[in-house]
C-alpha atoms as a PDB file:
ATOM      1  CA  MET A   1    -115.676 102.324  23.627  1.00  0.00           C
ATOM      2  CA  ILE A   2    -114.749  99.039  22.308  1.00  0.00           C
ATOM      3  CA  PHE A   3    -110.916  98.738  21.635  1.00  0.00           C
ATOM      4  CA  SER A   4    -111.264  96.365  18.334  1.00  0.00           C
ATOM      5  CA  ALA A   5    -108.247  94.311  17.438  1.00  0.00           C
ATOM      6  CA  HIS A   6    -109.812  91.840  15.185  1.00  0.00           C
ATOM      7  CA  LEU A   7    -113.125  92.766  13.158  1.00  0.00           C
ATOM      8  CA  ARG A   8    -113.520  96.673  13.294  1.00  0.00           C
ATOM      9  CA  PRO A   9    -117.505  97.641  13.828  1.00  0.00           C
ATOM     10  CA  THR A  10    -118.198 100.779  11.932  1.00  0.00           C
ATOM     11  CA  GLU A  11    -120.849 103.784  13.457  1.00  0.00           C
ATOM     12  CA  GLU A  12    -123.569 101.747  11.664  1.00  0.00           C
ATOM     13  CA  THR A  13    -122.952  98.437  12.742  1.00  0.00           C
ATOM     14  CA  THR A  14    -125.949  96.986  14.581  1.00  0.00           C
ATOM     15  CA  TRP A  15    -126.307  94.700  17.428  1.00  0.00           C
ATOM     16  CA  ASP A  16    -127.205  91.519  15.464  1.00  0.00           C
ATOM     17  CA  GLU A  17    -124.274  92.264  13.199  1.00  0.00           C
ATOM     18  CA  PHE A  18    -121.346  92.365  16.234  1.00  0.00           C
ATOM     19  CA  LEU A  19    -123.352  89.069  17.348  1.00  0.00           C
ATOM     20  CA  GLU A  20    -122.510  87.941  13.763  1.00  0.00           C
ATOM     21  CA  ASP A  21    -118.730  88.934  14.125  1.00  0.00           C
ATOM     22  CA  CYS A  22    -118.594  87.327  17.498  1.00  0.00           C
ATOM     23  CA  ALA A  23    -119.555  84.218  15.736  1.00  0.00           C
ATOM     24  CA  LYS A  24    -117.189  84.325  13.033  1.00  0.00           C
ATOM     25  CA  ILE A  25    -114.010  85.326  15.686  1.00  0.00           C
ATOM     26  CA  GLN A  26    -115.004  82.296  17.618  1.00  0.00           C
ATOM     27  CA  ALA A  27    -115.190  80.300  14.700  1.00  0.00           C
ATOM     28  CA  ALA A  28    -111.571  81.123  14.053  1.00  0.00           C
ATOM     29  CA  GLY A  29    -110.710  79.912  16.977  1.00  0.00           C
ATOM     30  CA  TYR A  30    -110.407  83.155  19.113  1.00  0.00           C
ATOM     31  CA  THR A  31    -112.531  84.963  22.129  1.00  0.00           C
ATOM     32  CA  PRO A  32    -114.678  87.506  20.864  1.00  0.00           C
ATOM     33  CA  ILE A  33    -115.122  89.506  23.885  1.00  0.00           C
ATOM     34  CA  ALA A  34    -112.202  90.183  26.693  1.00  0.00           C
ATOM     35  CA  ALA A  35    -114.189  90.607  30.021  1.00  0.00           C
ATOM     36  CA  SER A  36    -113.945  89.810  33.646  1.00  0.00           C
ATOM     37  CA  LEU A  37    -117.441  89.313  34.610  1.00  0.00           C
ATOM     38  CA  GLN A  38    -116.630  88.275  38.223  1.00  0.00           C
ATOM     39  CA  GLU A  39    -114.184  91.823  38.789  1.00  0.00           C
ATOM     40  CA  ILE A  40    -115.560  94.308  36.408  1.00  0.00           C
ATOM     41  CA  PRO A  41    -118.847  93.233  34.885  1.00  0.00           C
ATOM     42  CA  HIS A  42    -119.987  97.155  34.976  1.00  0.00           C
ATOM     43  CA  TYR A  43    -118.990  98.045  31.596  1.00  0.00           C
ATOM     44  CA  TRP A  44    -121.563  95.141  29.909  1.00  0.00           C
ATOM     45  CA  PHE A  45    -124.108  96.003  32.099  1.00  0.00           C
ATOM     46  CA  GLU A  46    -124.059  99.976  31.025  1.00  0.00           C
ATOM     47  CA  TYR A  47    -123.959  99.141  27.286  1.00  0.00           C
ATOM     48  CA  ALA A  48    -126.497  96.231  27.706  1.00  0.00           C
ATOM     49  CA  ILE A  49    -128.912  98.097  29.641  1.00  0.00           C
ATOM     50  CA  TYR A  50    -128.594 101.428  27.057  1.00  0.00           C
ATOM     51  CA  ASN A  51    -129.466  99.050  23.999  1.00  0.00           C
ATOM     52  CA  PHE A  52    -132.887  99.200  25.713  1.00  0.00           C
ATOM     53  CA  GLN A  53    -133.259 102.865  26.449  1.00  0.00           C
ATOM     54  CA  ASP A  54    -131.623 106.038  25.051  1.00  0.00           C
ATOM     55  CA  PRO A  55    -129.520 109.426  25.906  1.00  0.00           C
ATOM     56  CA  ALA A  56    -132.482 110.767  27.232  1.00  0.00           C
ATOM     57  CA  THR A  57    -133.870 107.713  29.672  1.00  0.00           C
ATOM     58  CA  HIS A  58    -130.581 105.740  30.505  1.00  0.00           C
ATOM     59  CA  ASN A  59    -129.861 107.853  33.792  1.00  0.00           C
ATOM     60  CA  THR A  60    -133.280 107.112  35.129  1.00  0.00           C
ATOM     61  CA  LEU A  61    -133.151 104.780  38.254  1.00  0.00           C
ATOM     62  CA  PRO A  62    -136.039 102.026  37.657  1.00  0.00           C
ATOM     63  CA  GLU A  63    -138.876 102.362  40.863  1.00  0.00           C
ATOM     64  CA  SER A  64    -139.235  98.474  40.327  1.00  0.00           C
ATOM     65  CA  ALA A  65    -138.184  95.654  38.003  1.00  0.00           C
ATOM     66  CA  ASP A  66    -141.439  95.962  36.119  1.00  0.00           C
ATOM     67  CA  ASP A  67    -141.472  99.281  35.068  1.00  0.00           C
ATOM     68  CA  GLU A  68    -140.173 100.672  32.241  1.00  0.00           C
ATOM     69  CA  TYR A  69    -136.539 101.102  33.064  1.00  0.00           C
ATOM     70  CA  GLY A  70    -136.664  98.200  35.282  1.00  0.00           C
ATOM     71  CA  LYS A  71    -137.551  96.076  31.995  1.00  0.00           C
ATOM     72  CA  ALA A  72    -134.691  97.583  30.080  1.00  0.00           C
ATOM     73  CA  TRP A  73    -132.251  96.287  32.995  1.00  0.00           C
ATOM     74  CA  VAL A  74    -133.508  92.885  33.065  1.00  0.00           C
ATOM     75  CA  ASP A  75    -133.337  92.553  29.422  1.00  0.00           C
ATOM     76  CA  GLY A  76    -129.931  93.929  29.305  1.00  0.00           C
ATOM     77  CA  LEU A  77    -128.665  91.696  31.631  1.00  0.00           C
ATOM     78  CA  ASN A  78    -130.432  88.813  29.800  1.00  0.00           C
ATOM     79  CA  ASP A  79    -128.565  89.919  26.976  1.00  0.00           C
ATOM     80  CA  ILE A  80    -125.049  89.347  28.800  1.00  0.00           C
ATOM     81  CA  LYS A  81    -126.394  86.039  29.822  1.00  0.00           C
ATOM     82  CA  ALA A  82    -126.983  84.999  26.240  1.00  0.00           C
ATOM     83  CA  LEU A  83    -123.282  86.505  25.373  1.00  0.00           C
ATOM     84  CA  TYR A  84    -122.133  84.448  28.585  1.00  0.00           C
ATOM     85  CA  GLU A  85    -124.040  81.109  26.790  1.00  0.00           C
ATOM     86  CA  ALA A  86    -122.921  82.018  23.210  1.00  0.00           C
ATOM     87  CA  GLY A  87    -119.150  81.262  24.944  1.00  0.00           C
ATOM     88  CA  TYR A  88    -118.268  84.777  23.381  1.00  0.00           C
ATOM     89  CA  PHE A  89    -116.709  85.993  26.532  1.00  0.00           C
ATOM     90  CA  PRO A  90    -113.204  83.953  27.969  1.00  0.00           C
ATOM     91  CA  GLU A  91    -113.944  80.570  29.346  1.00  0.00           C
ATOM     92  CA  ASN A  92    -112.842  81.938  32.854  1.00  0.00           C
ATOM     93  CA  THR A  93    -114.836  84.993  33.102  1.00  0.00           C
ATOM     94  CA  LEU A  94    -116.274  84.079  35.981  1.00  0.00           C
ATOM     95  CA  THR A  95    -112.871  83.432  37.858  1.00  0.00           C
ATOM     96  CA  SER A  96    -110.648  85.893  35.863  1.00  0.00           C
ATOM     97  CA  THR A  97    -109.008  89.084  37.000  1.00  0.00           C
ATOM     98  CA  ASP A  98    -109.332  92.213  34.596  1.00  0.00           C
ATOM     99  CA  ALA A  99    -105.677  91.872  34.434  1.00  0.00           C
ATOM    100  CA  GLU A 100    -105.905  88.392  33.007  1.00  0.00           C
ATOM    101  CA  THR A 101    -108.716  89.280  30.280  1.00  0.00           C
ATOM    102  CA  PHE A 102    -106.566  92.604  29.349  1.00  0.00           C
ATOM    103  CA  GLN A 103    -103.584  90.357  28.612  1.00  0.00           C
ATOM    104  CA  LEU A 104    -105.726  88.356  26.579  1.00  0.00           C
ATOM    105  CA  PHE A 105    -106.807  90.968  24.562  1.00  0.00           C
ATOM    106  CA  THR A 106    -103.395  92.805  23.887  1.00  0.00           C
ATOM    107  CA  SER A 107    -101.943  89.272  22.880  1.00  0.00           C
ATOM    108  CA  ASP A 108    -104.068  89.228  20.210  1.00  0.00           C
ATOM    109  CA  LYS A 109    -106.205  86.241  21.384  1.00  0.00           C
ATOM    110  CA  ALA A 110    -109.245  88.360  22.428  1.00  0.00           C
ATOM    111  CA  ALA A 111    -111.312  90.612  19.670  1.00  0.00           C
ATOM    112  CA  PHE A 112    -113.176  93.055  21.862  1.00  0.00           C
ATOM    113  CA  LEU A 113    -112.674  94.991  24.821  1.00  0.00           C
ATOM    114  CA  ILE A 114    -114.949  97.667  26.887  1.00  0.00           C
ATOM    115  CA  ASP A 115    -113.089 100.000  28.955  1.00  0.00           C
ATOM    116  CA  GLY A 116    -112.298 103.671  29.662  1.00  0.00           C
ATOM    117  CA  SER A 117    -110.165 106.656  27.762  1.00  0.00           C
ATOM    118  CA  TRP A 118    -107.481 105.843  30.541  1.00  0.00           C
ATOM    119  CA  LYS A 119    -106.856 102.344  29.146  1.00  0.00           C
ATOM    120  CA  ILE A 120    -105.430 103.897  25.726  1.00  0.00           C
ATOM    121  CA  GLY A 121    -101.684 104.062  27.210  1.00  0.00           C
ATOM    122  CA  GLY A 122    -101.787 101.194  29.235  1.00  0.00           C
ATOM    123  CA  ILE A 123    -102.424  99.407  25.783  1.00  0.00           C
ATOM    124  CA  ALA A 124     -99.732 101.311  23.696  1.00  0.00           C
ATOM    125  CA  GLU A 125     -97.372 100.081  26.418  1.00  0.00           C
ATOM    126  CA  ALA A 126     -98.763  96.139  26.353  1.00  0.00           C
ATOM    127  CA  VAL A 127     -98.357  95.578  22.698  1.00  0.00           C
ATOM    128  CA  ASP A 128     -95.851  95.383  19.445  1.00  0.00           C
ATOM    129  CA  ASP A 129     -97.783  96.764  17.072  1.00  0.00           C
ATOM    130  CA  ILE A 130    -100.467  99.788  18.097  1.00  0.00           C
ATOM    131  CA  GLU A 131    -101.975  99.411  14.476  1.00  0.00           C
ATOM    132  CA  ASN A 132    -103.587  96.510  15.018  1.00  0.00           C
ATOM    133  CA  PHE A 133    -105.642  98.486  17.611  1.00  0.00           C
ATOM    134  CA  THR A 134    -108.545 100.922  17.143  1.00  0.00           C
ATOM    135  CA  VAL A 135    -111.063 102.566  19.132  1.00  0.00           C
ATOM    136  CA  VAL A 136    -114.621 102.197  18.070  1.00  0.00           C
ATOM    137  CA  HIS A 137    -118.334 102.318  19.276  1.00  0.00           C
ATOM    138  CA  ILE A 138    -120.536  99.743  21.129  1.00  0.00           C
ATOM    139  CA  PRO A 139    -122.849  98.403  18.341  1.00  0.00           C
ATOM    140  CA  GLY A 140    -126.272  99.423  19.285  1.00  0.00           C
ATOM    141  CA  LYS A 141    -129.928  98.455  18.412  1.00  0.00           C
ATOM    142  CA  GLY A 142    -133.553  99.931  19.151  1.00  0.00           C
ATOM    143  CA  ASN A 143    -133.502 103.604  20.003  1.00  0.00           C
ATOM    144  CA  ARG A 144    -129.706 103.716  21.068  1.00  0.00           C
ATOM    145  CA  LYS A 145    -127.789 104.825  17.963  1.00  0.00           C
ATOM    146  CA  THR A 146    -124.569 102.964  17.969  1.00  0.00           C
ATOM    147  CA  THR A 147    -122.919 106.446  17.993  1.00  0.00           C
ATOM    148  CA  ASP A 148    -124.762 107.233  21.106  1.00  0.00           C
ATOM    149  CA  GLU A 149    -122.414 106.677  24.171  1.00  0.00           C
ATOM    150  CA  ILE A 150    -121.963 106.272  28.001  1.00  0.00           C
ATOM    151  CA  GLY A 151    -119.333 109.173  29.582  1.00  0.00           C
ATOM    152  CA  GLY A 152    -118.615 111.531  32.295  1.00  0.00           C
ATOM    153  CA  LEU A 153    -116.159 113.683  33.829  1.00  0.00           C
ATOM    154  CA  SER A 154    -114.673 113.104  37.091  1.00  0.00           C
ATOM    155  CA  MET A 155    -111.959 115.379  38.543  1.00  0.00           C
ATOM    156  CA  GLY A 156    -111.657 117.708  41.715  1.00  0.00           C
ATOM    157  CA  TYR A 157    -109.302 119.181  44.093  1.00  0.00           C
ATOM    158  CA  TYR A 158    -110.035 120.137  47.900  1.00  0.00           C
ATOM    159  CA  VAL A 159    -108.859 122.742  50.030  1.00  0.00           C
ATOM    160  CA  THR A 160    -108.795 121.487  53.975  1.00  0.00           C
ATOM    161  CA  ARG A 161    -110.738 123.558  56.105  1.00  0.00           C
ATOM    162  CA  LYS A 162    -107.420 124.155  58.312  1.00  0.00           C
ATOM    163  CA  ALA A 163    -106.090 125.699  54.690  1.00  0.00           C
ATOM    164  CA  TRP A 164    -108.986 127.614  53.969  1.00  0.00           C
ATOM    165  CA  GLU A 165    -109.063 129.309  57.688  1.00  0.00           C
ATOM    166  CA  ASP A 166    -105.415 130.187  58.075  1.00  0.00           C
ATOM    167  CA  ALA A 167    -104.827 133.411  56.453  1.00  0.00           C
ATOM    168  CA  GLU A 168    -101.420 132.703  55.156  1.00  0.00           C
ATOM    169  CA  LYS A 169    -102.343 129.275  53.459  1.00  0.00           C
ATOM    170  CA  LYS A 170    -105.496 130.539  52.057  1.00  0.00           C
ATOM    171  CA  ASP A 171    -104.471 132.284  49.031  1.00  0.00           C
ATOM    172  CA  ALA A 172    -101.629 129.647  48.307  1.00  0.00           C
ATOM    173  CA  ALA A 173    -104.220 126.871  48.452  1.00  0.00           C
ATOM    174  CA  VAL A 174    -106.613 128.893  46.337  1.00  0.00           C
ATOM    175  CA  SER A 175    -104.084 129.939  43.918  1.00  0.00           C
ATOM    176  CA  PHE A 176    -102.882 126.444  43.219  1.00  0.00           C
ATOM    177  CA  VAL A 177    -106.469 124.960  42.501  1.00  0.00           C
ATOM    178  CA  SER A 178    -106.916 128.015  40.384  1.00  0.00           C
ATOM    179  CA  TYR A 179    -104.225 127.315  38.351  1.00  0.00           C
ATOM    180  CA  MET A 180    -104.526 123.438  38.203  1.00  0.00           C
ATOM    181  CA  THR A 181    -107.765 124.128  36.643  1.00  0.00           C
ATOM    182  CA  SER A 182    -106.815 126.348  34.293  1.00  0.00           C
ATOM    183  CA  ASP A 183    -107.626 126.005  30.166  1.00  0.00           C
ATOM    184  CA  ASP A 184    -104.105 125.109  30.002  1.00  0.00           C
ATOM    185  CA  VAL A 185    -103.164 122.513  32.993  1.00  0.00           C
ATOM    186  CA  VAL A 186    -106.862 121.097  32.543  1.00  0.00           C
ATOM    187  CA  SER A 187    -106.094 120.240  28.567  1.00  0.00           C
ATOM    188  CA  ARG A 188    -102.674 118.938  29.061  1.00  0.00           C
ATOM    189  CA  PHE A 189    -103.856 116.820  31.704  1.00  0.00           C
ATOM    190  CA  ALA A 190    -106.561 115.445  29.603  1.00  0.00           C
ATOM    191  CA  GLY A 191    -104.419 114.727  26.300  1.00  0.00           C
ATOM    192  CA  VAL A 192    -106.634 112.421  24.129  1.00  0.00           C
ATOM    193  CA  SER A 193    -109.595 112.615  26.658  1.00  0.00           C
ATOM    194  CA  ALA A 194    -112.734 114.564  26.699  1.00  0.00           C
ATOM    195  CA  THR A 195    -113.070 117.533  29.161  1.00  0.00           C
ATOM    196  CA  ALA A 196    -115.970 119.902  29.747  1.00  0.00           C
ATOM    197  CA  LEU A 197    -113.713 123.365  28.604  1.00  0.00           C
ATOM    198  CA  LYS A 198    -115.212 125.450  26.437  1.00  0.00           C
ATOM    199  CA  ASN A 199    -111.756 126.744  25.645  1.00  0.00           C
ATOM    200  CA  GLY A 200    -109.778 123.740  25.546  1.00  0.00           C
ATOM    201  CA  ALA A 201    -106.692 123.877  23.914  1.00  0.00           C
ATOM    202  CA  GLU A 202    -106.293 121.622  20.701  1.00  0.00           C
ATOM    203  CA  PRO A 203    -104.109 118.474  21.169  1.00  0.00           C
ATOM    204  CA  ASP A 204    -100.904 118.118  19.187  1.00  0.00           C
ATOM    205  CA  THR A 205    -101.626 115.071  17.456  1.00  0.00           C
ATOM    206  CA  SER A 206     -97.773 115.113  15.734  1.00  0.00           C
ATOM    207  CA  GLU A 207     -96.668 112.679  18.348  1.00  0.00           C
ATOM    208  CA  PHE A 208     -99.883 110.873  18.884  1.00  0.00           C
ATOM    209  CA  ASN A 209     -99.776 106.920  18.015  1.00  0.00           C
ATOM    210  CA  SER A 210    -102.624 105.799  15.942  1.00  0.00           C
ATOM    211  CA  LEU A 211    -104.732 104.604  18.856  1.00  0.00           C
ATOM    212  CA  GLN A 212    -104.655 108.341  20.152  1.00  0.00           C
ATOM    213  CA  VAL A 213    -105.498 109.654  17.177  1.00  0.00           C
ATOM    214  CA  ASP A 214    -108.703 107.077  16.526  1.00  0.00           C
ATOM    215  CA  ALA A 215    -109.844 108.050  19.876  1.00  0.00           C
ATOM    216  CA  LEU A 216    -109.926 111.532  18.992  1.00  0.00           C
ATOM    217  CA  SER A 217    -112.190 110.706  15.914  1.00  0.00           C
ATOM    218  CA  TYR A 218    -114.316 108.279  18.124  1.00  0.00           C
ATOM    219  CA  THR A 219    -114.727 111.222  20.788  1.00  0.00           C
ATOM    220  CA  ALA A 220    -115.977 113.428  17.979  1.00  0.00           C
ATOM    221  CA  SER A 221    -118.512 111.211  16.231  1.00  0.00           C
ATOM    222  CA  PHE A 222    -121.055 111.133  19.403  1.00  0.00           C
ATOM    223  CA  THR A 223    -124.843 111.549  18.333  1.00  0.00           C
ATOM    224  CA  GLY A 224    -125.683 111.377  21.871  1.00  0.00           C
ATOM    225  CA  ILE A 225    -124.094 110.771  25.741  1.00  0.00           C
ATOM    226  CA  SER A 226    -125.620 109.508  28.946  1.00  0.00           C
ATOM    227  CA  PRO A 227    -124.021 109.551  32.387  1.00  0.00           C
ATOM    228  CA  ALA A 228    -123.529 106.025  34.145  1.00  0.00           C
ATOM    229  CA  VAL A 229    -126.606 105.036  35.610  1.00  0.00           C
ATOM    230  CA  GLN A 230    -124.914 102.805  38.267  1.00  0.00           C
ATOM    231  CA  ASP A 231    -123.297 106.372  39.368  1.00  0.00           C
ATOM    232  CA  ASN A 232    -126.817 107.133  41.027  1.00  0.00           C
ATOM    233  CA  LEU A 233    -126.346 103.679  43.395  1.00  0.00           C
ATOM    234  CA  SER A 234    -124.419 103.141  46.625  1.00  0.00           C
ATOM    235  CA  ALA A 235    -121.615 100.558  46.356  1.00  0.00           C
ATOM    236  CA  ALA A 236    -123.906  98.456  48.341  1.00  0.00           C
ATOM    237  CA  ALA A 237    -127.025  98.613  46.171  1.00  0.00           C
ATOM    238  CA  ARG A 238    -124.929  97.732  43.109  1.00  0.00           C
ATOM    239  CA  GLU A 239    -123.743  94.173  44.789  1.00  0.00           C
ATOM    240  CA  PRO A 240    -126.817  91.903  44.106  1.00  0.00           C
ATOM    241  CA  ILE A 241    -125.496  92.519  39.764  1.00  0.00           C
ATOM    242  CA  PHE A 242    -122.069  93.494  40.339  1.00  0.00           C
ATOM    243  CA  ASN A 243    -120.941  91.137  42.647  1.00  0.00           C
ATOM    244  CA  ASP A 244    -123.190  88.182  41.564  1.00  0.00           C
ATOM    245  CA  MET A 245    -122.698  88.416  37.712  1.00  0.00           C
ATOM    246  CA  ALA A 246    -122.109  84.534  37.962  1.00  0.00           C
ATOM    247  CA  SER A 247    -125.059  83.594  39.173  1.00  0.00           C
ATOM    248  CA  ILE A 248    -127.285  85.685  36.448  1.00  0.00           C
ATOM    249  CA  VAL A 249    -125.229  84.317  33.718  1.00  0.00           C
ATOM    250  CA  ASN A 250    -125.227  80.614  34.835  1.00  0.00           C
ATOM    251  CA  GLY A 251    -129.197  81.171  35.277  1.00  0.00           C
ATOM    252  CA  ASP A 252    -129.246  80.637  38.936  1.00  0.00           C
ATOM    253  CA  VAL A 253    -130.363  84.048  39.529  1.00  0.00           C
ATOM    254  CA  ALA A 254    -133.388  85.392  37.535  1.00  0.00           C
ATOM    255  CA  ALA A 255    -132.502  89.218  36.241  1.00  0.00           C
ATOM    256  CA  GLU A 256    -135.638  90.431  37.704  1.00  0.00           C
ATOM    257  CA  ASP A 257    -134.569  89.296  40.802  1.00  0.00           C
ATOM    258  CA  ALA A 258    -131.137  90.866  40.445  1.00  0.00           C
ATOM    259  CA  VAL A 259    -132.835  93.831  39.575  1.00  0.00           C
ATOM    260  CA  ALA A 260    -135.362  93.942  42.578  1.00  0.00           C
ATOM    261  CA  ALA A 261    -132.553  93.192  44.931  1.00  0.00           C
ATOM    262  CA  VAL A 262    -130.579  96.050  44.165  1.00  0.00           C
ATOM    263  CA  LEU A 263    -133.602  98.302  43.983  1.00  0.00           C
ATOM    264  CA  GLU A 264    -134.805  97.230  47.433  1.00  0.00           C
ATOM    265  CA  ALA A 265    -130.963  97.772  48.755  1.00  0.00           C
ATOM    266  CA  ASN A 266    -130.934 101.152  47.445  1.00  0.00           C
ATOM    267  CA  ALA A 267    -134.053 102.377  48.521  1.00  0.00           C
ATOM    268  CA  GLU A 268    -132.764 101.073  52.557  1.00  0.00           C
END
C-alpha cells in the first residue's frame, strides 16, 4: 500500500501517471517517495517486479534471470533504478535508516510511503493532522491492475513439547491457544487489518480515525492478491538484492547479475 500525503492516486492511476505525479512533487520542492533503499528495499522490490507479472504468477521463483519470471525481476529492478536516477527517492536513500525516511514522510516533506498495515498506528501517533494522510494502491502497469495487491497473514501460537507431554499442563495450553485463535479474539487483534476468518467480527468504526477508515476501504477494493515472493527465499539468498540495492541503482551491478546471484544462492 502507499500511504499518500500529497497527490492521491486513484484505483485507475497507472504507473506512467504515478511517474508524472512524482515529477510534479519533485518540481514543487518535495521528495516524491520516502524509502530507505539501504535498509528496507523489499517493498519496492515486490511491487516493481509485480508490475511485470500478475497475481497468478508473482509468487513464482525464476529458474534463471533469463526466463519469464527472471526477466520480470530484472525489469522491476531497473524500474527502481530509474526512480533513483530521476531523484524520486530521498537524497540519502542509500545511507538513511527507515526511521529517518519515515520522519521525512510524517513531517510532510515526502509524498509516498509503502509499508505494512501495522504502520497505521505509527503514522497516527507521529502526525498532527491525520486527515492529510490516506491509503491508496500502488499504481500498476501491464497485466497487473493497480488494485492487485501483495499481502499475507502471519500469526501463530506454539505449545512446547514439555507442556504437551505434561498431562496437567496440556489441557491448559491447548485451551489458551484455542481462546487466542477464536474469531472474537483474532478480530480484536486484527483491528483494521485483514484476517483469514470466515466469521470475523465487523469492526466498530465509530472510534476510527480517517486513516483507519480509508484502510478498510482499501482492503475491500482488492481485485487480486499474491503472497510476497521474497518469502520463498532464504535470508542469505536475498542478500545480493536486498543488501546491495545501492550497487544496482548506481549501475555498479547489472540487474541481471543480481538476480542470477540470488537464484544461485537460493539453490545452494
